[in-house]
Amino acid sequence: MSLGHEKDRFASRLASIPGIQPMPSIGDWILLQVEAPAELARRVNRRMEPGVMSVPRNLQGAVRIHVGDPKANERLLQTLRDLVA
């Protein structure tokens, strides 16, 4: 599966989570518009591993995540569902 295909699939799944809005992104990263980005990133990184989610400088209300393999992406999706529910 190509990175582009996995990125599109992952972004579509992310968009199904209330309160998370994928934004146009470059490369193997996806920007997400969220409420309380620093808090969400802290909680995701604590539950998964440091650096999974980061808060970009000079961009209000957003976090960025790396597009990984489908298994890692599914784990991140489940973590986000748990934390924003």
PDB file of N, CA and C in Angstrom:
ATOM      1  N   MET A   1       0.855  -1.180   0.000  1.00  0.00           N
ATOM      2  CA  MET A   1       0.000   0.000   0.000  1.00  0.00           C
ATOM      3  C   MET A   1       0.898   1.239   0.000  1.00  0.00           C
ATOM      4  N   SER A   2       0.586   2.187  -0.841  1.00  0.00           N
ATOM      5  CA  SER A   2       1.410   3.388  -0.924  1.00  0.00           C
ATOM      6  C   SER A   2       1.133   4.316   0.258  1.00  0.00           C
ATOM      7  N   LEU A   3       2.119   5.168   0.560  1.00  0.00           N
ATOM      8  CA  LEU A   3       1.952   6.135   1.643  1.00  0.00           C
ATOM      9  C   LEU A   3       0.762   7.049   1.367  1.00  0.00           C
ATOM     10  N   GLY A   4       0.624   7.495   0.116  1.00  0.00           N
ATOM     11  CA  GLY A   4      -0.486   8.382  -0.225  1.00  0.00           C
ATOM     12  C   GLY A   4      -1.833   7.752   0.051  1.00  0.00           C
ATOM     13  N   HIS A   5      -1.961   6.467  -0.313  1.00  0.00           N
ATOM     14  CA  HIS A   5      -3.217   5.761  -0.066  1.00  0.00           C
ATOM     15  C   HIS A   5      -3.472   5.622   1.436  1.00  0.00           C
ATOM     16  N   GLU A   6      -2.456   5.233   2.182  1.00  0.00           N
ATOM     17  CA  GLU A   6      -2.612   5.076   3.638  1.00  0.00           C
ATOM     18  C   GLU A   6      -2.903   6.422   4.291  1.00  0.00           C
ATOM     19  N   LYS A   7      -2.250   7.491   3.825  1.00  0.00           N
ATOM     20  CA  LYS A   7      -2.502   8.821   4.390  1.00  0.00           C
ATOM     21  C   LYS A   7      -3.963   9.231   4.155  1.00  0.00           C
ATOM     22  N   ASP A   8      -4.482   9.004   2.954  1.00  0.00           N
ATOM     23  CA  ASP A   8      -5.874   9.333   2.657  1.00  0.00           C
ATOM     24  C   ASP A   8      -6.829   8.508   3.519  1.00  0.00           C
ATOM     25  N   ARG A   9      -6.547   7.212   3.659  1.00  0.00           N
ATOM     26  CA  ARG A   9      -7.392   6.333   4.472  1.00  0.00           C
ATOM     27  C   ARG A   9      -7.377   6.781   5.934  1.00  0.00           C
ATOM     28  N   PHE A  10      -6.181   7.061   6.433  1.00  0.00           N
ATOM     29  CA  PHE A  10      -6.004   7.484   7.826  1.00  0.00           C
ATOM     30  C   PHE A  10      -6.715   8.818   8.070  1.00  0.00           C
ATOM     31  N   ALA A  11      -6.542   9.787   7.181  1.00  0.00           N
ATOM     32  CA  ALA A  11      -7.190  11.099   7.331  1.00  0.00           C
ATOM     33  C   ALA A  11      -8.712  10.958   7.330  1.00  0.00           C
ATOM     34  N   SER A  12      -9.226  10.086   6.485  1.00  0.00           N
ATOM     35  CA  SER A  12     -10.669   9.850   6.429  1.00  0.00           C
ATOM     36  C   SER A  12     -11.173   9.272   7.748  1.00  0.00           C
ATOM     37  N   ARG A  13     -10.431   8.325   8.308  1.00  0.00           N
ATOM     38  CA  ARG A  13     -10.810   7.727   9.592  1.00  0.00           C
ATOM     39  C   ARG A  13     -10.711   8.759  10.717  1.00  0.00           C
ATOM     40  N   LEU A  14      -9.675   9.597  10.679  1.00  0.00           N
ATOM     41  CA  LEU A  14      -9.523  10.644  11.696  1.00  0.00           C
ATOM     42  C   LEU A  14     -10.703  11.608  11.662  1.00  0.00           C
ATOM     43  N   ALA A  15     -11.175  11.934  10.449  1.00  0.00           N
ATOM     44  CA  ALA A  15     -12.286  12.875  10.295  1.00  0.00           C
ATOM     45  C   ALA A  15     -13.578  12.352  10.911  1.00  0.00           C
ATOM     46  N   SER A  16     -13.664  11.035  11.132  1.00  0.00           N
ATOM     47  CA  SER A  16     -14.869  10.452  11.720  1.00  0.00           C
ATOM     48  C   SER A  16     -14.923  10.627  13.238  1.00  0.00           C
ATOM     49  N   ILE A  17     -13.837  11.124  13.828  1.00  0.00           N
ATOM     50  CA  ILE A  17     -13.794  11.324  15.280  1.00  0.00           C
ATOM     51  C   ILE A  17     -14.280  12.737  15.585  1.00  0.00           C
ATOM     52  N   PRO A  18     -15.341  12.878  16.375  1.00  0.00           N
ATOM     53  CA  PRO A  18     -15.850  14.222  16.699  1.00  0.00           C
ATOM     54  C   PRO A  18     -14.774  15.075  17.356  1.00  0.00           C
ATOM     55  N   GLY A  19     -14.660  16.323  16.904  1.00  0.00           N
ATOM     56  CA  GLY A  19     -13.699  17.254  17.483  1.00  0.00           C
ATOM     57  C   GLY A  19     -12.332  17.225  16.820  1.00  0.00           C
ATOM     58  N   ILE A  20     -12.159  16.375  15.810  1.00  0.00           N
ATOM     59  CA  ILE A  20     -10.888  16.294  15.095  1.00  0.00           C
ATOM     60  C   ILE A  20     -11.144  16.572  13.624  1.00  0.00           C
ATOM     61  N   GLN A  21     -10.439  17.558  13.090  1.00  0.00           N
ATOM     62  CA  GLN A  21     -10.611  17.937  11.691  1.00  0.00           C
ATOM     63  C   GLN A  21      -9.267  17.915  10.974  1.00  0.00           C
ATOM     64  N   PRO A  22      -9.020  16.913  10.125  1.00  0.00           N
ATOM     65  CA  PRO A  22      -7.773  16.907   9.343  1.00  0.00           C
ATOM     66  C   PRO A  22      -7.700  18.125   8.429  1.00  0.00           C
ATOM     67  N   MET A  23      -6.490  18.662   8.280  1.00  0.00           N
ATOM     68  CA  MET A  23      -6.255  19.839   7.453  1.00  0.00           C
ATOM     69  C   MET A  23      -5.292  19.447   6.330  1.00  0.00           C
ATOM     70  N   PRO A  24      -5.238  20.230   5.251  1.00  0.00           N
ATOM     71  CA  PRO A  24      -4.276  19.924   4.183  1.00  0.00           C
ATOM     72  C   PRO A  24      -2.868  19.835   4.769  1.00  0.00           C
ATOM     73  N   SER A  25      -2.150  18.780   4.411  1.00  0.00           N
ATOM     74  CA  SER A  25      -0.850  18.492   5.018  1.00  0.00           C
ATOM     75  C   SER A  25       0.132  18.011   3.958  1.00  0.00           C
ATOM     76  N   ILE A  26       1.409  18.165   4.264  1.00  0.00           N
ATOM     77  CA  ILE A  26       2.476  17.803   3.337  1.00  0.00           C
ATOM     78  C   ILE A  26       3.212  16.565   3.848  1.00  0.00           C
ATOM     79  N   GLY A  27       3.695  15.751   2.925  1.00  0.00           N
ATOM     80  CA  GLY A  27       4.554  14.619   3.276  1.00  0.00           C
ATOM     81  C   GLY A  27       3.823  13.561   4.080  1.00  0.00           C
ATOM     82  N   ASP A  28       4.541  12.967   5.025  1.00  0.00           N
ATOM     83  CA  ASP A  28       3.958  11.875   5.794  1.00  0.00           C
ATOM     84  C   ASP A  28       3.458  12.338   7.164  1.00  0.00           C
ATOM     85  N   TRP A  29       3.013  13.581   7.224  1.00  0.00           N
ATOM     86  CA  TRP A  29       2.412  14.152   8.430  1.00  0.00           C
ATOM     87  C   TRP A  29       0.993  14.591   8.118  1.00  0.00           C
ATOM     88  N   ILE A  30       0.139  14.573   9.130  1.00  0.00           N
ATOM     89  CA  ILE A  30      -1.226  15.096   8.999  1.00  0.00           C
ATOM     90  C   ILE A  30      -1.425  16.125  10.101  1.00  0.00           C
ATOM     91  N   LEU A  31      -1.868  17.311   9.702  1.00  0.00           N
ATOM     92  CA  LEU A  31      -2.249  18.345  10.661  1.00  0.00           C
ATOM     93  C   LEU A  31      -3.700  18.119  11.048  1.00  0.00           C
ATOM     94  N   LEU A  32      -3.984  18.256  12.328  1.00  0.00           N
ATOM     95  CA  LEU A  32      -5.345  18.094  12.828  1.00  0.00           C
ATOM     96  C   LEU A  32      -5.752  19.337  13.586  1.00  0.00           C
ATOM     97  N   GLN A  33      -6.902  19.886  13.254  1.00  0.00           N
ATOM     98  CA  GLN A  33      -7.464  20.994  14.020  1.00  0.00           C
ATOM     99  C   GLN A  33      -8.216  20.378  15.200  1.00  0.00           C
ATOM    100  N   VAL A  34      -7.819  20.789  16.415  1.00  0.00           N
ATOM    101  CA  VAL A  34      -8.402  20.220  17.631  1.00  0.00           C
ATOM    102  C   VAL A  34      -8.552  21.318  18.680  1.00  0.00           C
ATOM    103  N   GLU A  35      -9.353  21.026  19.692  1.00  0.00           N
ATOM    104  CA  GLU A  35      -9.419  21.910  20.850  1.00  0.00           C
ATOM    105  C   GLU A  35      -8.340  21.472  21.829  1.00  0.00           C
ATOM    106  N   ALA A  36      -7.748  22.399  22.535  1.00  0.00           N
ATOM    107  CA  ALA A  36      -6.730  22.115  23.553  1.00  0.00           C
ATOM    108  C   ALA A  36      -5.599  21.237  23.010  1.00  0.00           C
ATOM    109  N   PRO A  37      -4.893  21.705  21.965  1.00  0.00           N
ATOM    110  CA  PRO A  37      -3.856  20.875  21.343  1.00  0.00           C
ATOM    111  C   PRO A  37      -2.751  20.427  22.292  1.00  0.00           C
ATOM    112  N   ALA A  38      -2.271  21.301  23.157  1.00  0.00           N
ATOM    113  CA  ALA A  38      -1.174  20.919  24.061  1.00  0.00           C
ATOM    114  C   ALA A  38      -1.621  19.808  25.011  1.00  0.00           C
ATOM    115  N   GLU A  39      -2.829  19.912  25.507  1.00  0.00           N
ATOM    116  CA  GLU A  39      -3.367  18.890  26.420  1.00  0.00           C
ATOM    117  C   GLU A  39      -3.548  17.558  25.688  1.00  0.00           C
ATOM    118  N   LEU A  40      -4.109  17.605  24.488  1.00  0.00           N
ATOM    119  CA  LEU A  40      -4.315  16.372  23.728  1.00  0.00           C
ATOM    120  C   LEU A  40      -2.974  15.714  23.402  1.00  0.00           C
ATOM    121  N   ALA A  41      -2.005  16.497  22.948  1.00  0.00           N
ATOM    122  CA  ALA A  41      -0.683  15.944  22.609  1.00  0.00           C
ATOM    123  C   ALA A  41      -0.033  15.314  23.840  1.00  0.00           C
ATOM    124  N   ARG A  42      -0.142  15.968  24.980  1.00  0.00           N
ATOM    125  CA  ARG A  42       0.438  15.434  26.212  1.00  0.00           C
ATOM    126  C   ARG A  42      -0.183  14.082  26.557  1.00  0.00           C
ATOM    127  N   ARG A  43      -1.507  13.996  26.452  1.00  0.00           N
ATOM    128  CA  ARG A  43      -2.209  12.764  26.804  1.00  0.00           C
ATOM    129  C   ARG A  43      -1.929  11.633  25.806  1.00  0.00           C
ATOM    130  N   VAL A  44      -1.890  11.960  24.508  1.00  0.00           N
ATOM    131  CA  VAL A  44      -1.582  10.941  23.494  1.00  0.00           C
ATOM    132  C   VAL A  44      -0.162  10.425  23.680  1.00  0.00           C
ATOM    133  N   ASN A  45       0.788  11.344  23.851  1.00  0.00           N
ATOM    134  CA  ASN A  45       2.192  10.945  24.001  1.00  0.00           C
ATOM    135  C   ASN A  45       2.417  10.140  25.271  1.00  0.00           C
ATOM    136  N   ARG A  46       1.668  10.440  26.314  1.00  0.00           N
ATOM    137  CA  ARG A  46       1.801   9.676  27.558  1.00  0.00           C
ATOM    138  C   ARG A  46       1.252   8.261  27.365  1.00  0.00           C
ATOM    139  N   ARG A  47       0.159   8.139  26.646  1.00  0.00           N
ATOM    140  CA  ARG A  47      -0.463   6.828  26.462  1.00  0.00           C
ATOM    141  C   ARG A  47       0.287   5.978  25.431  1.00  0.00           C
ATOM    142  N   MET A  48       0.826   6.597  24.401  1.00  0.00           N
ATOM    143  CA  MET A  48       1.502   5.837  23.344  1.00  0.00           C
ATOM    144  C   MET A  48       3.016   5.895  23.536  1.00  0.00           C
ATOM    145  N   GLU A  49       3.661   6.911  22.987  1.00  0.00           N
ATOM    146  CA  GLU A  49       5.097   7.122  23.194  1.00  0.00           C
ATOM    147  C   GLU A  49       5.406   8.579  22.866  1.00  0.00           C
ATOM    148  N   PRO A  50       6.424   9.153  23.502  1.00  0.00           N
ATOM    149  CA  PRO A  50       6.747  10.564  23.265  1.00  0.00           C
ATOM    150  C   PRO A  50       6.996  10.839  21.788  1.00  0.00           C
ATOM    151  N   GLY A  51       6.434  11.941  21.318  1.00  0.00           N
ATOM    152  CA  GLY A  51       6.658  12.370  19.952  1.00  0.00           C
ATOM    153  C   GLY A  51       5.649  11.878  18.931  1.00  0.00           C
ATOM    154  N   VAL A  52       4.709  11.031  19.345  1.00  0.00           N
ATOM    155  CA  VAL A  52       3.687  10.547  18.412  1.00  0.00           C
ATOM    156  C   VAL A  52       2.866  11.729  17.893  1.00  0.00           C
ATOM    157  N   MET A  53       2.578  12.669  18.783  1.00  0.00           N
ATOM    158  CA  MET A  53       1.810  13.863  18.420  1.00  0.00           C
ATOM    159  C   MET A  53       2.592  15.075  18.876  1.00  0.00           C
ATOM    160  N   SER A  54       2.672  16.086  18.018  1.00  0.00           N
ATOM    161  CA  SER A  54       3.372  17.313  18.388  1.00  0.00           C
ATOM    162  C   SER A  54       2.492  18.523  18.091  1.00  0.00           C
ATOM    163  N   VAL A  55       2.823  19.623  18.747  1.00  0.00           N
ATOM    164  CA  VAL A  55       2.098  20.879  18.561  1.00  0.00           C
ATOM    165  C   VAL A  55       2.994  21.803  17.743  1.00  0.00           C
ATOM    166  N   PRO A  56       2.618  22.087  16.492  1.00  0.00           N
ATOM    167  CA  PRO A  56       3.458  22.962  15.665  1.00  0.00           C
ATOM    168  C   PRO A  56       3.453  24.390  16.186  1.00  0.00           C
ATOM    169  N   ARG A  57       4.607  25.031  16.101  1.00  0.00           N
ATOM    170  CA  ARG A  57       4.690  26.434  16.501  1.00  0.00           C
ATOM    171  C   ARG A  57       3.989  27.302  15.462  1.00  0.00           C
ATOM    172  N   ASN A  58       3.513  28.442  15.880  1.00  0.00           N
ATOM    173  CA  ASN A  58       2.895  29.436  14.992  1.00  0.00           C
ATOM    174  C   ASN A  58       1.632  28.934  14.299  1.00  0.00           C
ATOM    175  N   LEU A  59       0.959  27.958  14.877  1.00  0.00           N
ATOM    176  CA  LEU A  59      -0.282  27.462  14.300  1.00  0.00           C
ATOM    177  C   LEU A  59      -1.246  27.160  15.449  1.00  0.00           C
ATOM    178  N   GLN A  60      -2.228  28.017  15.622  1.00  0.00           N
ATOM    179  CA  GLN A  60      -3.167  27.883  16.738  1.00  0.00           C
ATOM    180  C   GLN A  60      -4.134  26.723  16.524  1.00  0.00           C
ATOM    181  N   GLY A  61      -4.435  25.997  17.582  1.00  0.00           N
ATOM    182  CA  GLY A  61      -5.480  24.979  17.561  1.00  0.00           C
ATOM    183  C   GLY A  61      -5.187  23.759  16.715  1.00  0.00           C
ATOM    184  N   ALA A  62      -3.900  23.387  16.619  1.00  0.00           N
ATOM    185  CA  ALA A  62      -3.571  22.246  15.770  1.00  0.00           C
ATOM    186  C   ALA A  62      -2.493  21.369  16.403  1.00  0.00           C
ATOM    187  N   VAL A  63      -2.517  20.104  16.016  1.00  0.00           N
ATOM    188  CA  VAL A  63      -1.464  19.150  16.347  1.00  0.00           C
ATOM    189  C   VAL A  63      -1.074  18.468  15.046  1.00  0.00           C
ATOM    190  N   ARG A  64       0.082  17.789  15.066  1.00  0.00           N
ATOM    191  CA  ARG A  64       0.452  17.023  13.882  1.00  0.00           C
ATOM    192  C   ARG A  64       0.859  15.625  14.305  1.00  0.00           C
ATOM    193  N   ILE A  65       0.532  14.692  13.430  1.00  0.00           N
ATOM    194  CA  ILE A  65       0.851  13.290  13.672  1.00  0.00           C
ATOM    195  C   ILE A  65       1.520  12.721  12.429  1.00  0.00           C
ATOM    196  N   HIS A  66       2.319  11.719  12.641  1.00  0.00           N
ATOM    197  CA  HIS A  66       3.030  11.053  11.556  1.00  0.00           C
ATOM    198  C   HIS A  66       2.167   9.919  11.017  1.00  0.00           C
ATOM    199  N   VAL A  67       2.136   9.762   9.707  1.00  0.00           N
ATOM    200  CA  VAL A  67       1.434   8.631   9.099  1.00  0.00           C
ATOM    201  C   VAL A  67       2.369   7.429   9.169  1.00  0.00           C
ATOM    202  N   GLY A  68       1.947   6.412   9.901  1.00  0.00           N
ATOM    203  CA  GLY A  68       2.754   5.209  10.038  1.00  0.00           C
ATOM    204  C   GLY A  68       2.172   4.077   9.212  1.00  0.00           C
ATOM    205  N   ASP A  69       2.472   2.860   9.624  1.00  0.00           N
ATOM    206  CA  ASP A  69       1.877   1.707   8.948  1.00  0.00           C
ATOM    207  C   ASP A  69       0.437   1.556   9.445  1.00  0.00           C
ATOM    208  N   PRO A  70      -0.395   0.829   8.707  1.00  0.00           N
ATOM    209  CA  PRO A  70      -1.814   0.723   9.086  1.00  0.00           C
ATOM    210  C   PRO A  70      -2.041   0.280  10.527  1.00  0.00           C
ATOM    211  N   LYS A  71      -1.239  -0.643  11.036  1.00  0.00           N
ATOM    212  CA  LYS A  71      -1.414  -1.134  12.414  1.00  0.00           C
ATOM    213  C   LYS A  71      -1.158  -0.011  13.428  1.00  0.00           C
ATOM    214  N   ALA A  72      -0.068   0.745  13.233  1.00  0.00           N
ATOM    215  CA  ALA A  72       0.240   1.863  14.137  1.00  0.00           C
ATOM    216  C   ALA A  72      -0.829   2.941  14.036  1.00  0.00           C
ATOM    217  N   ASN A  73      -1.314   3.201  12.832  1.00  0.00           N
ATOM    218  CA  ASN A  73      -2.348   4.220  12.641  1.00  0.00           C
ATOM    219  C   ASN A  73      -3.640   3.824  13.353  1.00  0.00           C
ATOM    220  N   GLU A  74      -4.001   2.547  13.295  1.00  0.00           N
ATOM    221  CA  GLU A  74      -5.209   2.079  13.977  1.00  0.00           C
ATOM    222  C   GLU A  74      -5.079   2.241  15.492  1.00  0.00           C
ATOM    223  N   ARG A  75      -3.873   1.973  16.016  1.00  0.00           N
ATOM    224  CA  ARG A  75      -3.643   2.153  17.451  1.00  0.00           C
ATOM    225  C   ARG A  75      -3.821   3.619  17.837  1.00  0.00           C
ATOM    226  N   LEU A  76      -3.299   4.518  17.008  1.00  0.00           N
ATOM    227  CA  LEU A  76      -3.449   5.951  17.276  1.00  0.00           C
ATOM    228  C   LEU A  76      -4.908   6.384  17.165  1.00  0.00           C
ATOM    229  N   LEU A  77      -5.625   5.874  16.172  1.00  0.00           N
ATOM    230  CA  LEU A  77      -7.054   6.184  16.037  1.00  0.00           C
ATOM    231  C   LEU A  77      -7.817   5.780  17.299  1.00  0.00           C
ATOM    232  N   GLN A  78      -7.552   4.572  17.800  1.00  0.00           N
ATOM    233  CA  GLN A  78      -8.266   4.101  18.995  1.00  0.00           C
ATOM    234  C   GLN A  78      -7.922   4.963  20.208  1.00  0.00           C
ATOM    235  N   THR A  79      -6.656   5.347  20.329  1.00  0.00           N
ATOM    236  CA  THR A  79      -6.242   6.209  21.433  1.00  0.00           C
ATOM    237  C   THR A  79      -6.964   7.553  21.354  1.00  0.00           C
ATOM    238  N   LEU A  80      -7.044   8.131  20.162  1.00  0.00           N
ATOM    239  CA  LEU A  80      -7.740   9.414  20.002  1.00  0.00           C
ATOM    240  C   LEU A  80      -9.229   9.279  20.323  1.00  0.00           C
ATOM    241  N   ARG A  81      -9.841   8.198  19.849  1.00  0.00           N
ATOM    242  CA  ARG A  81     -11.265   7.989  20.174  1.00  0.00           C
ATOM    243  C   ARG A  81     -11.471   7.932  21.685  1.00  0.00           C
ATOM    244  N   ASP A  82     -10.602   7.206  22.377  1.00  0.00           N
ATOM    245  CA  ASP A  82     -10.707   7.079  23.831  1.00  0.00           C
ATOM    246  C   ASP A  82     -10.543   8.435  24.512  1.00  0.00           C
ATOM    247  N   LEU A  83      -9.597   9.237  24.054  1.00  0.00           N
ATOM    248  CA  LEU A  83      -9.267  10.486  24.743  1.00  0.00           C
ATOM    249  C   LEU A  83     -10.215  11.638  24.430  1.00  0.00           C
ATOM    250  N   VAL A  84     -10.821  11.656  23.259  1.00  0.00           N
ATOM    251  CA  VAL A  84     -11.703  12.787  22.944  1.00  0.00           C
ATOM    252  C   VAL A  84     -13.174  12.455  23.169  1.00  0.00           C
ATOM    253  N   ALA A  85     -13.469  11.214  23.532  1.00  0.00           N
ATOM    254  CA  ALA A  85     -14.867  10.805  23.774  1.00  0.00           C
ATOM    255  C   ALA A  85     -15.430  11.485  24.997  1.00  0.00           C
TER     256      ALA A  85
END
